[in-house]
Amino acid sequence: MGVKDLPAHSSRGVPSVCHATNRVAALAWIGLGPGRARRVWIGSALAATGALTVVGLLSATGVIGRLVIG
């Protein structure tokens, strides 16, 4: 199945944002090709996701506020 074979609409006939996102991700994945570029891209995506998760958890628990305000 290629990128162009992915359905553009949900089962209700409404354009699906998720499908459009999947198409872009598939094109990016194919464009990176095998090897180092793909590994760097995955590593940076995982690092960013991890960093934002930690910041979000620290913010939700109030730790960041206490550190900044003192």
N, C-alpha and C. Protein backbone atom coordinates (compact mmCIF):
# COMPACT_ATOMS: atom_id res chain seq x y z
N MET A 1 0.85 -1.17 0.00
CA MET A 1 0.00 0.00 0.00
C MET A 1 0.89 1.23 0.00
N GLY A 2 0.68 2.11 -0.94
CA GLY A 2 1.45 3.34 -1.01
C GLY A 2 0.74 4.47 -0.29
N VAL A 3 1.40 5.60 -0.22
CA VAL A 3 0.84 6.76 0.47
C VAL A 3 -0.45 7.21 -0.21
N LYS A 4 -0.47 7.18 -1.54
CA LYS A 4 -1.66 7.65 -2.25
C LYS A 4 -2.85 6.71 -2.08
N ASP A 5 -2.62 5.48 -1.61
CA ASP A 5 -3.69 4.52 -1.40
C ASP A 5 -4.41 4.71 -0.07
N LEU A 6 -3.88 5.55 0.81
CA LEU A 6 -4.52 5.78 2.09
C LEU A 6 -5.81 6.56 1.88
N PRO A 7 -6.87 6.21 2.59
CA PRO A 7 -8.14 6.93 2.41
C PRO A 7 -8.02 8.38 2.88
N ALA A 8 -8.65 9.27 2.14
CA ALA A 8 -8.59 10.69 2.47
C ALA A 8 -9.72 11.11 3.39
N HIS A 9 -10.70 10.23 3.60
CA HIS A 9 -11.85 10.57 4.42
C HIS A 9 -12.09 9.48 5.44
N SER A 10 -12.73 9.86 6.52
CA SER A 10 -13.11 8.88 7.52
C SER A 10 -14.29 8.07 6.99
N SER A 11 -14.76 7.11 7.76
CA SER A 11 -15.86 6.26 7.33
C SER A 11 -17.15 7.05 7.15
N ARG A 12 -17.22 8.23 7.73
CA ARG A 12 -18.42 9.07 7.61
C ARG A 12 -18.32 10.05 6.44
N GLY A 13 -17.26 10.00 5.68
CA GLY A 13 -17.11 10.89 4.55
C GLY A 13 -16.54 12.25 4.91
N VAL A 14 -16.13 12.43 6.14
CA VAL A 14 -15.57 13.70 6.59
C VAL A 14 -14.06 13.64 6.44
N PRO A 15 -13.44 14.70 5.91
CA PRO A 15 -11.97 14.68 5.79
C PRO A 15 -11.31 14.41 7.15
N SER A 16 -10.35 13.54 7.15
CA SER A 16 -9.72 13.13 8.39
C SER A 16 -8.35 13.77 8.54
N VAL A 17 -8.15 14.51 9.62
CA VAL A 17 -6.86 15.13 9.90
C VAL A 17 -5.82 14.05 10.14
N CYS A 18 -6.22 12.98 10.79
CA CYS A 18 -5.31 11.89 11.10
C CYS A 18 -4.74 11.28 9.83
N HIS A 19 -5.58 11.09 8.82
CA HIS A 19 -5.10 10.50 7.58
C HIS A 19 -4.13 11.44 6.87
N ALA A 20 -4.41 12.74 6.92
CA ALA A 20 -3.49 13.70 6.30
C ALA A 20 -2.15 13.69 7.03
N THR A 21 -2.20 13.60 8.35
CA THR A 21 -0.97 13.54 9.14
C THR A 21 -0.20 12.27 8.82
N ASN A 22 -0.91 11.16 8.68
CA ASN A 22 -0.25 9.90 8.33
C ASN A 22 0.42 9.98 6.97
N ARG A 23 -0.21 10.67 6.04
CA ARG A 23 0.39 10.82 4.71
C ARG A 23 1.70 11.60 4.79
N VAL A 24 1.69 12.68 5.54
CA VAL A 24 2.89 13.51 5.68
C VAL A 24 3.99 12.71 6.37
N ALA A 25 3.63 11.98 7.42
CA ALA A 25 4.62 11.17 8.13
C ALA A 25 5.19 10.08 7.22
N ALA A 26 4.34 9.48 6.41
CA ALA A 26 4.81 8.43 5.50
C ALA A 26 5.77 9.02 4.46
N LEU A 27 5.43 10.20 3.94
CA LEU A 27 6.33 10.83 2.97
C LEU A 27 7.66 11.20 3.61
N ALA A 28 7.62 11.69 4.84
CA ALA A 28 8.86 12.05 5.54
C ALA A 28 9.69 10.80 5.78
N TRP A 29 9.04 9.71 6.18
CA TRP A 29 9.73 8.46 6.48
C TRP A 29 10.41 7.92 5.23
N ILE A 30 9.69 7.96 4.10
CA ILE A 30 10.25 7.47 2.83
C ILE A 30 11.37 8.39 2.37
N GLY A 31 11.19 9.70 2.54
CA GLY A 31 12.18 10.67 2.10
C GLY A 31 13.49 10.57 2.86
N LEU A 32 13.43 10.14 4.11
CA LEU A 32 14.66 10.02 4.90
C LEU A 32 15.54 8.89 4.41
N GLY A 33 14.93 7.86 3.86
CA GLY A 33 15.69 6.72 3.39
C GLY A 33 16.30 5.96 4.57
N PRO A 34 16.97 4.88 4.27
CA PRO A 34 17.56 4.09 5.35
C PRO A 34 18.85 4.74 5.86
N GLY A 35 19.22 4.37 7.05
CA GLY A 35 20.52 4.80 7.54
C GLY A 35 20.50 5.88 8.60
N ARG A 36 21.58 6.65 8.61
CA ARG A 36 21.85 7.61 9.68
C ARG A 36 20.80 8.71 9.79
N ALA A 37 20.34 9.25 8.69
CA ALA A 37 19.37 10.35 8.74
C ALA A 37 18.09 9.93 9.46
N ARG A 38 17.64 8.72 9.19
CA ARG A 38 16.43 8.23 9.83
C ARG A 38 16.65 8.04 11.32
N ARG A 39 17.80 7.51 11.70
CA ARG A 39 18.09 7.30 13.13
C ARG A 39 18.20 8.64 13.88
N VAL A 40 18.81 9.63 13.25
CA VAL A 40 18.91 10.96 13.88
C VAL A 40 17.53 11.57 14.04
N TRP A 41 16.69 11.43 13.02
CA TRP A 41 15.33 11.97 13.07
C TRP A 41 14.53 11.30 14.19
N ILE A 42 14.61 9.99 14.28
CA ILE A 42 13.88 9.26 15.33
C ILE A 42 14.42 9.65 16.71
N GLY A 43 15.73 9.73 16.84
CA GLY A 43 16.34 10.10 18.12
C GLY A 43 15.92 11.49 18.57
N SER A 44 15.91 12.44 17.65
CA SER A 44 15.51 13.80 18.03
C SER A 44 14.03 13.86 18.37
N ALA A 45 13.20 13.10 17.67
CA ALA A 45 11.76 13.07 17.97
C ALA A 45 11.52 12.46 19.35
N LEU A 46 12.21 11.39 19.66
CA LEU A 46 12.06 10.75 20.98
C LEU A 46 12.57 11.66 22.10
N ALA A 47 13.70 12.33 21.86
CA ALA A 47 14.25 13.23 22.86
C ALA A 47 13.30 14.41 23.12
N ALA A 48 12.74 14.98 22.06
CA ALA A 48 11.81 16.09 22.22
C ALA A 48 10.55 15.65 22.96
N THR A 49 10.04 14.48 22.61
CA THR A 49 8.85 13.96 23.28
C THR A 49 9.13 13.72 24.75
N GLY A 50 10.27 13.15 25.06
CA GLY A 50 10.63 12.91 26.45
C GLY A 50 10.81 14.20 27.24
N ALA A 51 11.48 15.16 26.63
CA ALA A 51 11.71 16.44 27.32
C ALA A 51 10.39 17.16 27.60
N LEU A 52 9.50 17.18 26.62
CA LEU A 52 8.21 17.85 26.82
C LEU A 52 7.34 17.11 27.83
N THR A 53 7.45 15.79 27.86
CA THR A 53 6.70 15.02 28.86
C THR A 53 7.18 15.35 30.26
N VAL A 54 8.49 15.41 30.45
CA VAL A 54 9.05 15.73 31.76
C VAL A 54 8.65 17.13 32.19
N VAL A 55 8.76 18.09 31.29
CA VAL A 55 8.37 19.47 31.61
C VAL A 55 6.89 19.54 31.96
N GLY A 56 6.06 18.83 31.22
CA GLY A 56 4.63 18.81 31.50
C GLY A 56 4.31 18.21 32.86
N LEU A 57 4.97 17.11 33.19
CA LEU A 57 4.74 16.48 34.49
C LEU A 57 5.22 17.37 35.63
N LEU A 58 6.38 17.97 35.46
CA LEU A 58 6.89 18.87 36.50
C LEU A 58 6.00 20.10 36.66
N SER A 59 5.47 20.58 35.56
CA SER A 59 4.57 21.73 35.62
C SER A 59 3.24 21.35 36.28
N ALA A 60 2.73 20.19 35.96
CA ALA A 60 1.44 19.75 36.52
C ALA A 60 1.54 19.52 38.03
N THR A 61 2.69 19.08 38.47
CA THR A 61 2.85 18.82 39.92
C THR A 61 3.33 20.06 40.65
N GLY A 62 3.61 21.14 39.97
CA GLY A 62 3.99 22.39 40.61
C GLY A 62 5.46 22.51 40.93
N VAL A 63 6.28 21.55 40.54
CA VAL A 63 7.71 21.59 40.84
C VAL A 63 8.38 22.75 40.11
N ILE A 64 8.04 22.94 38.84
CA ILE A 64 8.65 24.01 38.06
C ILE A 64 8.30 25.37 38.65
N GLY A 65 7.06 25.56 39.06
CA GLY A 65 6.64 26.83 39.66
C GLY A 65 7.42 27.15 40.92
N ARG A 66 7.64 26.14 41.76
CA ARG A 66 8.41 26.36 42.98
C ARG A 66 9.85 26.67 42.70
N LEU A 67 10.42 26.04 41.67
CA LEU A 67 11.82 26.31 41.35
C LEU A 67 12.00 27.70 40.76
N VAL A 68 11.08 28.13 39.92
CA VAL A 68 11.20 29.43 39.27
C VAL A 68 10.91 30.56 40.25
N ILE A 69 9.84 30.41 41.02
CA ILE A 69 9.46 31.47 41.96
C ILE A 69 10.32 31.45 43.21
N GLY A 70 10.70 30.26 43.65
CA GLY A 70 11.59 30.16 44.78
C GLY A 70 10.91 29.84 46.02
